[in-house]
Amino acid sequence: MLDSGGKVLKEGLLEKRSDGLLQLWKKKRCVLTEEGLILLHPKQHDNQHQHQQQPAREHGCKIKELRFSSMKTVDCVERKGKYVYFTVVMSEGKEIDFRCPQDEVWNAEITLQMVQYKNRQAILAVKSTRQKQQLLVVQLPGHKTIKNSQTAA
């Protein structure tokens, strides 16, 4: 996603619950694009901006990409104190917990972009199906007589 030059829609800090035994909250620098959510180490984000011409992996940055194509849903779990807690559910069933200050509305932004992505994909699928159907109609022998009889009536 970083290499494709996708439009950055939002960026800032989010806290992600670790997968480890203690499940600590770790700050992540997040970049929301039209394709998904990119998670970077907070200090590596500035390094990435300095080296945008080269892939981030070449600079030793650990990058996690949560692509909308692999996302199932974003669940808002709870508003507690100054935080909103939410979970990104991936297609394979993996759940990734996040929290952010309530006024930053990351969960709403991610959900909105995911829905827009899925809508774009659905439109492309419908267009592709229609094009295939049109090609089949043109290739079917005898179709012109059916079409001509319908237009003559």
C-alpha atoms as a PDB file:
ATOM      1  CA  MET A   1       0.000   0.000   0.000  1.00  0.00           C
ATOM      2  CA  LEU A   2       2.795   2.415   0.791  1.00  0.00           C
ATOM      3  CA  ASP A   3       4.502   1.810  -2.523  1.00  0.00           C
ATOM      4  CA  SER A   4       1.322   2.296  -4.578  1.00  0.00           C
ATOM      5  CA  GLY A   5       1.177   5.986  -3.700  1.00  0.00           C
ATOM      6  CA  GLY A   6      -2.395   5.690  -2.388  1.00  0.00           C
ATOM      7  CA  LYS A   7      -4.021   8.788  -1.020  1.00  0.00           C
ATOM      8  CA  VAL A   8      -3.502   9.244   2.720  1.00  0.00           C
ATOM      9  CA  LEU A   9      -6.895   9.966   4.274  1.00  0.00           C
ATOM     10  CA  LYS A  10      -5.909  10.119   7.939  1.00  0.00           C
ATOM     11  CA  GLU A  11      -2.803   9.525   9.980  1.00  0.00           C
ATOM     12  CA  GLY A  12      -1.975   9.593  13.641  1.00  0.00           C
ATOM     13  CA  LEU A  13      -1.503   7.452  16.725  1.00  0.00           C
ATOM     14  CA  LEU A  14      -3.637   4.494  17.700  1.00  0.00           C
ATOM     15  CA  GLU A  15      -3.055   1.992  20.469  1.00  0.00           C
ATOM     16  CA  LYS A  16      -3.101  -1.694  19.535  1.00  0.00           C
ATOM     17  CA  ARG A  17      -3.460  -4.498  22.045  1.00  0.00           C
ATOM     18  CA  SER A  18      -0.513  -6.874  21.755  1.00  0.00           C
ATOM     19  CA  ASP A  19      -1.033 -10.545  20.972  1.00  0.00           C
ATOM     20  CA  GLY A  20       1.251 -11.604  23.825  1.00  0.00           C
ATOM     21  CA  LEU A  21       0.350 -13.079  27.164  1.00  0.00           C
ATOM     22  CA  LEU A  22       0.149  -9.689  28.909  1.00  0.00           C
ATOM     23  CA  GLN A  23      -1.837  -8.040  26.080  1.00  0.00           C
ATOM     24  CA  LEU A  24      -0.304  -4.627  26.635  1.00  0.00           C
ATOM     25  CA  TRP A  25      -1.465  -1.548  24.727  1.00  0.00           C
ATOM     26  CA  LYS A  26       1.238  -0.402  22.304  1.00  0.00           C
ATOM     27  CA  LYS A  27       1.210   2.876  20.390  1.00  0.00           C
ATOM     28  CA  LYS A  28       1.246   2.567  16.619  1.00  0.00           C
ATOM     29  CA  ARG A  29       1.561   5.245  13.989  1.00  0.00           C
ATOM     30  CA  CYS A  30      -1.378   4.563  11.640  1.00  0.00           C
ATOM     31  CA  VAL A  31      -1.985   5.649   8.076  1.00  0.00           C
ATOM     32  CA  LEU A  32      -5.478   5.212   6.636  1.00  0.00           C
ATOM     33  CA  THR A  33      -5.691   4.964   2.842  1.00  0.00           C
ATOM     34  CA  GLU A  34      -8.359   3.968   0.332  1.00  0.00           C
ATOM     35  CA  GLU A  35      -6.921   0.426   0.404  1.00  0.00           C
ATOM     36  CA  GLY A  36      -6.638  -0.138   4.154  1.00  0.00           C
ATOM     37  CA  LEU A  37      -4.822   0.683   7.367  1.00  0.00           C
ATOM     38  CA  ILE A  38      -1.027   0.699   7.709  1.00  0.00           C
ATOM     39  CA  LEU A  39       0.516   0.237  11.157  1.00  0.00           C
ATOM     40  CA  LEU A  40       4.032   1.495  11.846  1.00  0.00           C
ATOM     41  CA  HIS A  41       6.154   1.815  14.943  1.00  0.00           C
ATOM     42  CA  PRO A  42       5.646   5.409  16.178  1.00  0.00           C
ATOM     43  CA  LYS A  43       9.308   6.357  15.610  1.00  0.00           C
ATOM     44  CA  GLN A  44       9.479   4.683  12.184  1.00  0.00           C
ATOM     45  CA  HIS A  45       6.711   6.872  10.777  1.00  0.00           C
ATOM     46  CA  ASP A  46       8.973   9.920  10.498  1.00  0.00           C
ATOM     47  CA  ASN A  47      11.678   7.770   8.907  1.00  0.00           C
ATOM     48  CA  GLN A  48       9.144   6.571   6.315  1.00  0.00           C
ATOM     49  CA  HIS A  49       8.251  10.137   5.298  1.00  0.00           C
ATOM     50  CA  GLN A  50      11.919  10.909   4.724  1.00  0.00           C
ATOM     51  CA  HIS A  51      12.361   7.904   2.409  1.00  0.00           C
ATOM     52  CA  GLN A  52       9.108   7.689   0.442  1.00  0.00           C
ATOM     53  CA  GLN A  53      10.834   6.883  -2.842  1.00  0.00           C
ATOM     54  CA  GLN A  54      12.117   3.546  -1.513  1.00  0.00           C
ATOM     55  CA  PRO A  55      10.041   0.714  -0.018  1.00  0.00           C
ATOM     56  CA  ALA A  56       9.765   0.981   3.754  1.00  0.00           C
ATOM     57  CA  ARG A  57      10.922  -2.607   4.269  1.00  0.00           C
ATOM     58  CA  GLU A  58      14.365  -1.649   2.947  1.00  0.00           C
ATOM     59  CA  HIS A  59      14.784   0.671   5.925  1.00  0.00           C
ATOM     60  CA  GLY A  60      14.124  -2.052   8.492  1.00  0.00           C
ATOM     61  CA  CYS A  61      10.651  -0.754   9.332  1.00  0.00           C
ATOM     62  CA  LYS A  62       8.212  -3.324  10.590  1.00  0.00           C
ATOM     63  CA  ILE A  63       4.995  -2.593   8.750  1.00  0.00           C
ATOM     64  CA  LYS A  64       1.658  -4.271   9.229  1.00  0.00           C
ATOM     65  CA  GLU A  65      -0.938  -3.761   6.508  1.00  0.00           C
ATOM     66  CA  LEU A  66      -4.595  -4.369   7.230  1.00  0.00           C
ATOM     67  CA  ARG A  67      -6.133  -4.371   3.761  1.00  0.00           C
ATOM     68  CA  PHE A  68      -9.852  -3.732   3.363  1.00  0.00           C
ATOM     69  CA  SER A  69      -9.956  -6.688   0.976  1.00  0.00           C
ATOM     70  CA  SER A  70      -9.124  -8.887   3.995  1.00  0.00           C
ATOM     71  CA  MET A  71     -11.300  -7.056   6.531  1.00  0.00           C
ATOM     72  CA  LYS A  72     -14.675  -8.387   7.551  1.00  0.00           C
ATOM     73  CA  THR A  73     -15.917  -5.708   9.931  1.00  0.00           C
ATOM     74  CA  VAL A  74     -15.037  -3.050  12.496  1.00  0.00           C
ATOM     75  CA  ASP A  75     -16.847  -3.508  15.805  1.00  0.00           C
ATOM     76  CA  CYS A  76     -17.146  -0.667  18.296  1.00  0.00           C
ATOM     77  CA  VAL A  77     -16.803  -2.506  21.557  1.00  0.00           C
ATOM     78  CA  GLU A  78     -17.013   0.177  24.204  1.00  0.00           C
ATOM     79  CA  ARG A  79     -16.617   3.832  25.113  1.00  0.00           C
ATOM     80  CA  LYS A  80     -14.900   3.999  28.457  1.00  0.00           C
ATOM     81  CA  GLY A  81     -13.380   7.083  30.013  1.00  0.00           C
ATOM     82  CA  LYS A  82     -11.551   9.047  27.345  1.00  0.00           C
ATOM     83  CA  TYR A  83     -11.135   6.048  24.986  1.00  0.00           C
ATOM     84  CA  VAL A  84     -13.129   4.250  22.330  1.00  0.00           C
ATOM     85  CA  TYR A  85     -12.256   0.565  22.180  1.00  0.00           C
ATOM     86  CA  PHE A  86     -12.864  -1.203  18.867  1.00  0.00           C
ATOM     87  CA  THR A  87     -11.974  -4.427  17.096  1.00  0.00           C
ATOM     88  CA  VAL A  88     -11.015  -4.971  13.474  1.00  0.00           C
ATOM     89  CA  VAL A  89     -12.183  -8.434  12.426  1.00  0.00           C
ATOM     90  CA  MET A  90     -10.263  -9.913   9.521  1.00  0.00           C
ATOM     91  CA  SER A  91     -11.737 -12.335   6.975  1.00  0.00           C
ATOM     92  CA  GLU A  92      -9.813 -15.277   8.409  1.00  0.00           C
ATOM     93  CA  GLY A  93     -11.357 -14.592  11.833  1.00  0.00           C
ATOM     94  CA  LYS A  94      -8.396 -12.840  13.482  1.00  0.00           C
ATOM     95  CA  GLU A  95      -9.460 -10.001  15.774  1.00  0.00           C
ATOM     96  CA  ILE A  96      -7.229  -6.984  16.360  1.00  0.00           C
ATOM     97  CA  ASP A  97      -8.110  -4.691  19.262  1.00  0.00           C
ATOM     98  CA  PHE A  98      -7.487  -0.948  19.168  1.00  0.00           C
ATOM     99  CA  ARG A  99      -8.239   2.067  21.293  1.00  0.00           C
ATOM    100  CA  CYS A 100      -8.108   5.783  20.638  1.00  0.00           C
ATOM    101  CA  PRO A 101      -9.290   8.983  22.267  1.00  0.00           C
ATOM    102  CA  GLN A 102     -13.036   9.447  21.666  1.00  0.00           C
ATOM    103  CA  ASP A 103     -12.571  12.698  19.771  1.00  0.00           C
ATOM    104  CA  GLU A 104     -10.324  11.094  17.113  1.00  0.00           C
ATOM    105  CA  VAL A 105     -13.074   8.777  15.741  1.00  0.00           C
ATOM    106  CA  TRP A 106     -10.645   6.298  14.152  1.00  0.00           C
ATOM    107  CA  ASN A 107     -13.228   3.518  14.322  1.00  0.00           C
ATOM    108  CA  ALA A 108     -15.739   5.560  12.302  1.00  0.00           C
ATOM    109  CA  GLU A 109     -13.117   6.596   9.725  1.00  0.00           C
ATOM    110  CA  ILE A 110     -11.895   3.021   9.248  1.00  0.00           C
ATOM    111  CA  THR A 111     -15.466   1.722   8.963  1.00  0.00           C
ATOM    112  CA  LEU A 112     -16.415   4.397   6.423  1.00  0.00           C
ATOM    113  CA  GLN A 113     -13.373   3.708   4.253  1.00  0.00           C
ATOM    114  CA  MET A 114     -13.929  -0.051   4.460  1.00  0.00           C
ATOM    115  CA  VAL A 115     -17.560   0.335   3.317  1.00  0.00           C
ATOM    116  CA  GLN A 116     -16.512   2.635   0.468  1.00  0.00           C
ATOM    117  CA  TYR A 117     -13.839   0.123  -0.583  1.00  0.00           C
ATOM    118  CA  LYS A 118     -16.330  -2.767  -0.548  1.00  0.00           C
ATOM    119  CA  ASN A 119     -18.806  -0.649  -2.556  1.00  0.00           C
ATOM    120  CA  ARG A 120     -16.144   0.121  -5.183  1.00  0.00           C
ATOM    121  CA  GLN A 121     -15.327  -3.589  -5.423  1.00  0.00           C
ATOM    122  CA  ALA A 122     -19.022  -4.501  -5.795  1.00  0.00           C
ATOM    123  CA  ILE A 123     -19.472  -1.927  -8.586  1.00  0.00           C
ATOM    124  CA  LEU A 124     -16.418  -3.286 -10.398  1.00  0.00           C
ATOM    125  CA  ALA A 125     -17.770  -6.832 -10.057  1.00  0.00           C
ATOM    126  CA  VAL A 126     -21.156  -5.820 -11.501  1.00  0.00           C
ATOM    127  CA  LYS A 127     -19.515  -3.994 -14.400  1.00  0.00           C
ATOM    128  CA  SER A 128     -17.309  -6.991 -15.105  1.00  0.00           C
ATOM    129  CA  THR A 129     -20.306  -9.352 -15.050  1.00  0.00           C
ATOM    130  CA  ARG A 130     -22.259  -7.103 -17.416  1.00  0.00           C
ATOM    131  CA  GLN A 131     -19.338  -6.927 -19.828  1.00  0.00           C
ATOM    132  CA  LYS A 132     -19.037 -10.716 -19.814  1.00  0.00           C
ATOM    133  CA  GLN A 133     -22.774 -11.053 -20.415  1.00  0.00           C
ATOM    134  CA  GLN A 134     -22.634  -8.603 -23.315  1.00  0.00           C
ATOM    135  CA  LEU A 135     -19.756 -10.538 -24.859  1.00  0.00           C
ATOM    136  CA  LEU A 136     -21.726 -13.778 -24.545  1.00  0.00           C
ATOM    137  CA  VAL A 137     -24.816 -12.204 -26.121  1.00  0.00           C
ATOM    138  CA  VAL A 138     -22.800 -10.963 -29.077  1.00  0.00           C
ATOM    139  CA  GLN A 139     -21.182 -14.382 -29.519  1.00  0.00           C
ATOM    140  CA  LEU A 140     -24.421 -16.425 -29.356  1.00  0.00           C
ATOM    141  CA  PRO A 141     -25.536 -17.588 -32.813  1.00  0.00           C
ATOM    142  CA  GLY A 142     -29.044 -16.562 -33.755  1.00  0.00           C
ATOM    143  CA  HIS A 143     -29.176 -13.780 -31.164  1.00  0.00           C
ATOM    144  CA  LYS A 144     -29.676 -11.129 -33.831  1.00  0.00           C
ATOM    145  CA  THR A 145     -32.985 -12.709 -34.903  1.00  0.00           C
ATOM    146  CA  ILE A 146     -34.217 -12.692 -31.290  1.00  0.00           C
ATOM    147  CA  LYS A 147     -33.129  -9.103 -30.821  1.00  0.00           C
ATOM    148  CA  ASN A 148     -34.621  -8.073 -34.169  1.00  0.00           C
ATOM    149  CA  SER A 149     -37.965  -9.709 -33.403  1.00  0.00           C
ATOM    150  CA  GLN A 150     -38.098  -7.919 -30.049  1.00  0.00           C
ATOM    151  CA  THR A 151     -37.332  -4.514 -31.536  1.00  0.00           C
ATOM    152  CA  ALA A 152     -39.818  -5.037 -34.399  1.00  0.00           C
ATOM    153  CA  ALA A 153     -42.707  -5.705 -32.003  1.00  0.00           C
END
